[in-house]
């Protein structure tokens, strides 16, 4: 695995929005780390933005983490949305599985943050 493909999660906050910037590959090995990051949402948070712009690969375990994370957060009144490159391979995974709408997939972090301000 090259340095560019190494899995990473960086967290930041903007107002009451938690941004999880993920890089590398999200697969069976790394998906539990993403699940933990989604579970550890600090109070008060109204939205979690999972930025997958730097993700090079996403498999079904990563999709499962996002779907179950959205469901769990919704029970606490916290929204979740996902950022992907508009024409990238990760976006294609969401389109094929028809999860683009239900996971609130947007094209950029700015779009995700603007969605919060509405």
N, C-alpha and C. Protein backbone atom coordinates (compact mmCIF):
# COMPACT_ATOMS: atom_id res chain seq x y z
N UNK A 1 0.85 -1.18 0.00
CA UNK A 1 0.00 0.00 0.00
C UNK A 1 0.89 1.24 0.00
N UNK A 2 0.66 2.14 -0.91
CA UNK A 2 1.45 3.36 -0.95
C UNK A 2 0.94 4.34 0.08
N UNK A 3 1.73 5.36 0.32
CA UNK A 3 1.36 6.38 1.30
C UNK A 3 0.04 7.04 0.92
N UNK A 4 -0.20 7.26 -0.37
CA UNK A 4 -1.43 7.91 -0.83
C UNK A 4 -2.67 7.06 -0.53
N UNK A 5 -2.50 5.75 -0.40
CA UNK A 5 -3.63 4.87 -0.16
C UNK A 5 -3.85 4.56 1.31
N UNK A 6 -2.97 5.02 2.20
CA UNK A 6 -3.08 4.73 3.62
C UNK A 6 -4.38 5.31 4.17
N UNK A 7 -5.10 4.52 4.96
CA UNK A 7 -6.36 4.95 5.54
C UNK A 7 -6.11 6.00 6.62
N UNK A 8 -6.94 7.03 6.62
CA UNK A 8 -6.85 8.06 7.66
C UNK A 8 -8.21 8.70 7.88
N UNK A 9 -8.40 9.20 9.08
CA UNK A 9 -9.58 10.00 9.40
C UNK A 9 -9.12 11.23 10.17
N UNK A 10 -9.47 12.39 9.65
CA UNK A 10 -9.20 13.65 10.33
C UNK A 10 -10.54 14.24 10.75
N UNK A 11 -10.63 14.76 11.95
CA UNK A 11 -11.88 15.36 12.40
C UNK A 11 -11.72 16.86 12.59
N UNK A 12 -12.79 17.57 12.31
CA UNK A 12 -12.84 19.01 12.55
C UNK A 12 -14.29 19.38 12.82
N UNK A 13 -14.49 20.54 13.39
CA UNK A 13 -15.85 21.01 13.63
C UNK A 13 -16.02 22.42 13.08
N UNK A 14 -17.20 22.65 12.57
CA UNK A 14 -17.60 23.98 12.10
C UNK A 14 -18.97 24.22 12.70
N UNK A 15 -19.06 25.18 13.59
CA UNK A 15 -20.29 25.43 14.35
C UNK A 15 -20.68 24.12 15.05
N UNK A 16 -21.85 23.58 14.74
CA UNK A 16 -22.27 22.32 15.37
C UNK A 16 -22.22 21.16 14.39
N UNK A 17 -21.31 21.25 13.42
CA UNK A 17 -21.15 20.21 12.40
C UNK A 17 -19.79 19.53 12.59
N UNK A 18 -19.82 18.21 12.71
CA UNK A 18 -18.60 17.42 12.79
C UNK A 18 -18.25 16.95 11.39
N UNK A 19 -17.03 17.23 10.96
CA UNK A 19 -16.56 16.79 9.65
C UNK A 19 -15.53 15.69 9.85
N UNK A 20 -15.79 14.55 9.23
CA UNK A 20 -14.85 13.43 9.22
C UNK A 20 -14.26 13.35 7.82
N UNK A 21 -13.02 13.74 7.67
CA UNK A 21 -12.34 13.71 6.37
C UNK A 21 -11.57 12.40 6.28
N UNK A 22 -12.03 11.53 5.39
CA UNK A 22 -11.50 10.17 5.29
C UNK A 22 -10.62 10.07 4.05
N UNK A 23 -9.52 9.35 4.17
CA UNK A 23 -8.63 9.14 3.03
C UNK A 23 -8.23 7.69 2.92
N UNK A 24 -7.82 7.28 1.74
CA UNK A 24 -7.37 5.91 1.51
C UNK A 24 -8.50 4.98 1.13
N UNK A 25 -8.42 3.74 1.60
CA UNK A 25 -9.41 2.73 1.26
C UNK A 25 -10.30 2.42 2.46
N UNK A 26 -11.61 2.38 2.22
CA UNK A 26 -12.55 1.98 3.26
C UNK A 26 -13.04 0.59 2.88
N UNK A 27 -12.59 -0.39 3.66
CA UNK A 27 -12.93 -1.79 3.37
C UNK A 27 -13.15 -2.53 4.69
N UNK A 28 -13.21 -3.83 4.63
CA UNK A 28 -13.48 -4.65 5.81
C UNK A 28 -12.51 -4.37 6.94
N UNK A 29 -11.26 -4.05 6.61
CA UNK A 29 -10.24 -3.79 7.62
C UNK A 29 -10.38 -2.43 8.27
N UNK A 30 -10.73 -1.42 7.48
CA UNK A 30 -10.75 -0.04 8.00
C UNK A 30 -12.15 0.46 8.36
N UNK A 31 -13.19 -0.18 7.88
CA UNK A 31 -14.56 0.27 8.16
C UNK A 31 -14.86 0.38 9.66
N UNK A 32 -14.35 -0.52 10.51
CA UNK A 32 -14.62 -0.36 11.94
C UNK A 32 -14.10 0.96 12.52
N UNK A 33 -12.98 1.45 11.99
CA UNK A 33 -12.46 2.74 12.45
C UNK A 33 -13.42 3.89 12.08
N UNK A 34 -13.98 3.81 10.88
CA UNK A 34 -14.95 4.81 10.46
C UNK A 34 -16.20 4.71 11.32
N UNK A 35 -16.65 3.49 11.60
CA UNK A 35 -17.83 3.30 12.45
C UNK A 35 -17.60 3.91 13.82
N UNK A 36 -16.43 3.72 14.39
CA UNK A 36 -16.12 4.28 15.70
C UNK A 36 -16.13 5.80 15.66
N UNK A 37 -15.57 6.38 14.62
CA UNK A 37 -15.54 7.84 14.49
C UNK A 37 -16.97 8.40 14.41
N UNK A 38 -17.86 7.69 13.72
CA UNK A 38 -19.25 8.13 13.62
C UNK A 38 -19.95 8.00 14.96
N UNK A 39 -19.64 6.95 15.71
CA UNK A 39 -20.27 6.73 17.02
C UNK A 39 -19.83 7.77 18.05
N UNK A 40 -18.61 8.30 17.92
CA UNK A 40 -18.06 9.21 18.92
C UNK A 40 -18.38 10.68 18.64
N UNK A 41 -19.62 10.95 18.27
CA UNK A 41 -20.04 12.30 17.94
C UNK A 41 -20.18 13.11 19.23
N UNK A 42 -19.46 14.24 19.33
CA UNK A 42 -19.57 15.06 20.54
C UNK A 42 -20.88 15.85 20.59
N UNK A 43 -21.26 16.24 21.79
CA UNK A 43 -22.44 17.09 21.98
C UNK A 43 -21.97 18.53 21.90
N UNK A 44 -22.71 19.47 21.44
CA UNK A 44 -23.88 19.30 20.59
C UNK A 44 -23.46 19.24 19.13
N UNK A 45 -23.96 18.30 18.42
CA UNK A 45 -23.70 18.15 16.99
C UNK A 45 -25.04 17.97 16.30
N UNK A 46 -25.28 18.75 15.24
CA UNK A 46 -26.54 18.62 14.50
C UNK A 46 -26.36 17.80 13.23
N UNK A 47 -25.11 17.74 12.74
CA UNK A 47 -24.85 17.05 11.47
C UNK A 47 -23.43 16.49 11.48
N UNK A 48 -23.31 15.31 10.89
CA UNK A 48 -21.99 14.72 10.66
C UNK A 48 -21.80 14.68 9.14
N UNK A 49 -20.69 15.25 8.69
CA UNK A 49 -20.34 15.22 7.27
C UNK A 49 -19.17 14.26 7.12
N UNK A 50 -19.39 13.20 6.34
CA UNK A 50 -18.32 12.24 6.07
C UNK A 50 -17.78 12.58 4.68
N UNK A 51 -16.60 13.18 4.67
CA UNK A 51 -15.98 13.63 3.42
C UNK A 51 -15.11 12.50 2.87
N UNK A 52 -15.60 11.87 1.80
CA UNK A 52 -14.90 10.77 1.17
C UNK A 52 -14.15 11.20 -0.09
N UNK A 53 -13.91 12.49 -0.26
CA UNK A 53 -13.25 13.01 -1.46
C UNK A 53 -11.88 12.39 -1.69
N UNK A 54 -11.18 12.03 -0.61
CA UNK A 54 -9.83 11.46 -0.74
C UNK A 54 -9.83 9.94 -0.63
N UNK A 55 -11.01 9.32 -0.66
CA UNK A 55 -11.10 7.86 -0.60
C UNK A 55 -10.91 7.28 -2.00
N UNK A 56 -10.06 6.27 -2.09
CA UNK A 56 -9.76 5.66 -3.38
C UNK A 56 -10.55 4.38 -3.63
N UNK A 57 -11.12 3.81 -2.56
CA UNK A 57 -11.88 2.57 -2.69
C UNK A 57 -12.87 2.49 -1.54
N UNK A 58 -14.10 2.05 -1.85
CA UNK A 58 -15.15 1.88 -0.84
C UNK A 58 -15.89 0.59 -1.16
N UNK A 59 -15.94 -0.33 -0.18
CA UNK A 59 -16.65 -1.58 -0.43
C UNK A 59 -17.94 -1.63 0.39
N UNK A 60 -18.60 -2.78 0.37
CA UNK A 60 -19.90 -2.92 1.03
C UNK A 60 -19.82 -2.72 2.54
N UNK A 61 -18.69 -3.04 3.14
CA UNK A 61 -18.57 -2.82 4.59
C UNK A 61 -18.57 -1.32 4.90
N UNK A 62 -17.95 -0.53 4.04
CA UNK A 62 -17.99 0.92 4.21
C UNK A 62 -19.39 1.47 4.01
N UNK A 63 -20.09 0.97 2.99
CA UNK A 63 -21.48 1.38 2.78
C UNK A 63 -22.34 1.04 3.99
N UNK A 64 -22.15 -0.15 4.53
CA UNK A 64 -22.92 -0.58 5.69
C UNK A 64 -22.68 0.35 6.89
N UNK A 65 -21.44 0.74 7.11
CA UNK A 65 -21.12 1.67 8.20
C UNK A 65 -21.87 2.98 8.02
N UNK A 66 -21.90 3.49 6.80
CA UNK A 66 -22.57 4.77 6.55
C UNK A 66 -24.08 4.66 6.72
N UNK A 67 -24.68 3.59 6.21
CA UNK A 67 -26.12 3.40 6.33
C UNK A 67 -26.52 3.22 7.79
N UNK A 68 -25.82 2.36 8.51
CA UNK A 68 -26.17 2.14 9.91
C UNK A 68 -25.83 3.36 10.76
N UNK A 69 -24.75 4.06 10.41
CA UNK A 69 -24.42 5.30 11.12
C UNK A 69 -25.48 6.36 10.94
N UNK A 70 -25.99 6.50 9.73
CA UNK A 70 -27.06 7.47 9.47
C UNK A 70 -28.28 7.13 10.31
N UNK A 71 -28.64 5.86 10.34
CA UNK A 71 -29.81 5.41 11.11
C UNK A 71 -29.62 5.69 12.61
N UNK A 72 -28.47 5.34 13.14
CA UNK A 72 -28.19 5.52 14.56
C UNK A 72 -28.17 7.00 14.94
N UNK A 73 -27.52 7.81 14.12
CA UNK A 73 -27.46 9.25 14.41
C UNK A 73 -28.85 9.88 14.33
N UNK A 74 -29.66 9.44 13.37
CA UNK A 74 -31.01 9.99 13.21
C UNK A 74 -31.85 9.77 14.47
N UNK A 75 -31.62 8.66 15.16
CA UNK A 75 -32.34 8.39 16.41
C UNK A 75 -32.02 9.43 17.48
N UNK A 76 -30.87 10.07 17.37
CA UNK A 76 -30.46 11.12 18.31
C UNK A 76 -30.71 12.51 17.74
N UNK A 77 -31.36 12.60 16.59
CA UNK A 77 -31.64 13.89 15.97
C UNK A 77 -30.46 14.50 15.24
N UNK A 78 -29.46 13.68 14.90
CA UNK A 78 -28.27 14.15 14.19
C UNK A 78 -28.34 13.65 12.76
N UNK A 79 -28.12 14.56 11.81
CA UNK A 79 -28.15 14.20 10.39
C UNK A 79 -26.75 13.76 9.95
N UNK A 80 -26.68 12.98 8.90
CA UNK A 80 -25.41 12.56 8.31
C UNK A 80 -25.51 12.77 6.81
N UNK A 81 -24.45 13.33 6.23
CA UNK A 81 -24.36 13.41 4.78
C UNK A 81 -22.95 13.04 4.36
N UNK A 82 -22.80 12.75 3.08
CA UNK A 82 -21.55 12.23 2.54
C UNK A 82 -21.09 13.11 1.38
N UNK A 83 -19.80 13.38 1.33
CA UNK A 83 -19.20 14.14 0.23
C UNK A 83 -18.36 13.17 -0.61
N UNK A 84 -18.58 13.18 -1.92
CA UNK A 84 -17.74 12.41 -2.84
C UNK A 84 -17.43 13.25 -4.07
N UNK A 85 -16.36 12.89 -4.75
CA UNK A 85 -16.06 13.53 -6.03
C UNK A 85 -17.20 13.21 -7.00
N UNK A 86 -17.72 14.20 -7.71
CA UNK A 86 -18.90 13.99 -8.57
C UNK A 86 -18.76 12.88 -9.61
N UNK A 87 -17.59 12.72 -10.20
CA UNK A 87 -17.42 11.72 -11.25
C UNK A 87 -16.44 10.61 -10.86
N UNK A 88 -16.17 10.49 -9.57
CA UNK A 88 -15.19 9.51 -9.12
C UNK A 88 -15.78 8.12 -8.91
N UNK A 89 -14.90 7.15 -8.70
CA UNK A 89 -15.34 5.77 -8.50
C UNK A 89 -16.16 5.57 -7.24
N UNK A 90 -15.89 6.34 -6.20
CA UNK A 90 -16.67 6.21 -4.96
C UNK A 90 -18.10 6.68 -5.18
N UNK A 91 -18.27 7.77 -5.92
CA UNK A 91 -19.63 8.24 -6.24
C UNK A 91 -20.39 7.17 -7.01
N UNK A 92 -19.68 6.50 -7.91
CA UNK A 92 -20.32 5.45 -8.71
C UNK A 92 -20.87 4.33 -7.82
N UNK A 93 -20.16 4.00 -6.74
CA UNK A 93 -20.64 2.98 -5.80
C UNK A 93 -21.98 3.41 -5.21
N UNK A 94 -22.11 4.67 -4.84
CA UNK A 94 -23.37 5.18 -4.28
C UNK A 94 -24.48 5.16 -5.33
N UNK A 95 -24.12 5.50 -6.56
CA UNK A 95 -25.12 5.50 -7.64
C UNK A 95 -25.61 4.08 -7.95
N UNK A 96 -24.70 3.14 -8.02
CA UNK A 96 -25.07 1.75 -8.32
C UNK A 96 -25.98 1.18 -7.23
N UNK A 97 -25.67 1.50 -5.98
CA UNK A 97 -26.45 0.97 -4.86
C UNK A 97 -27.68 1.81 -4.54
N UNK A 98 -27.86 2.89 -5.29
CA UNK A 98 -28.99 3.80 -5.12
C UNK A 98 -29.07 4.40 -3.71
N UNK A 99 -27.91 4.74 -3.16
CA UNK A 99 -27.84 5.34 -1.84
C UNK A 99 -27.51 6.83 -1.88
N UNK A 100 -27.40 7.38 -3.07
CA UNK A 100 -27.04 8.79 -3.21
C UNK A 100 -28.03 9.69 -2.47
N UNK A 101 -29.31 9.46 -2.67
CA UNK A 101 -30.33 10.28 -2.03
C UNK A 101 -30.47 10.03 -0.54
N UNK A 102 -30.54 8.76 -0.15
CA UNK A 102 -30.77 8.44 1.26
C UNK A 102 -29.60 8.81 2.16
N UNK A 103 -28.39 8.85 1.60
CA UNK A 103 -27.23 9.25 2.40
C UNK A 103 -26.87 10.72 2.19
N UNK A 104 -27.68 11.44 1.45
CA UNK A 104 -27.44 12.87 1.25
C UNK A 104 -26.10 13.16 0.62
N UNK A 105 -25.75 12.43 -0.42
CA UNK A 105 -24.44 12.60 -1.07
C UNK A 105 -24.40 13.93 -1.82
N UNK A 106 -23.34 14.71 -1.56
CA UNK A 106 -23.13 15.99 -2.23
C UNK A 106 -21.75 16.02 -2.86
N UNK A 107 -21.50 17.05 -3.68
CA UNK A 107 -20.26 17.13 -4.46
C UNK A 107 -19.06 17.71 -3.73
N UNK A 108 -19.28 18.50 -2.68
CA UNK A 108 -18.15 19.16 -2.02
C UNK A 108 -18.46 19.43 -0.55
N UNK A 109 -17.43 19.68 0.20
CA UNK A 109 -17.59 20.03 1.61
C UNK A 109 -18.37 21.33 1.74
N UNK A 110 -18.11 22.28 0.85
CA UNK A 110 -18.88 23.53 0.86
C UNK A 110 -20.37 23.26 0.69
N UNK A 111 -20.72 22.33 -0.22
CA UNK A 111 -22.13 21.97 -0.42
C UNK A 111 -22.72 21.39 0.86
N UNK A 112 -21.97 20.54 1.52
CA UNK A 112 -22.44 19.90 2.76
C UNK A 112 -22.64 20.93 3.86
N UNK A 113 -21.73 21.87 3.97
CA UNK A 113 -21.85 22.89 5.01
C UNK A 113 -22.96 23.88 4.68
N UNK A 114 -23.14 24.20 3.40
CA UNK A 114 -24.24 25.08 2.99
C UNK A 114 -25.58 24.43 3.27
N UNK A 115 -25.66 23.12 3.07
CA UNK A 115 -26.88 22.37 3.34
C UNK A 115 -27.29 22.52 4.82
N UNK A 116 -26.30 22.62 5.68
CA UNK A 116 -26.54 22.77 7.11
C UNK A 116 -27.12 24.14 7.43
N UNK A 117 -26.67 25.15 6.72
CA UNK A 117 -27.07 26.53 7.03
C UNK A 117 -28.47 26.88 6.57
N UNK A 118 -29.08 26.02 5.76
CA UNK A 118 -30.42 26.34 5.24
C UNK A 118 -31.46 26.37 6.31
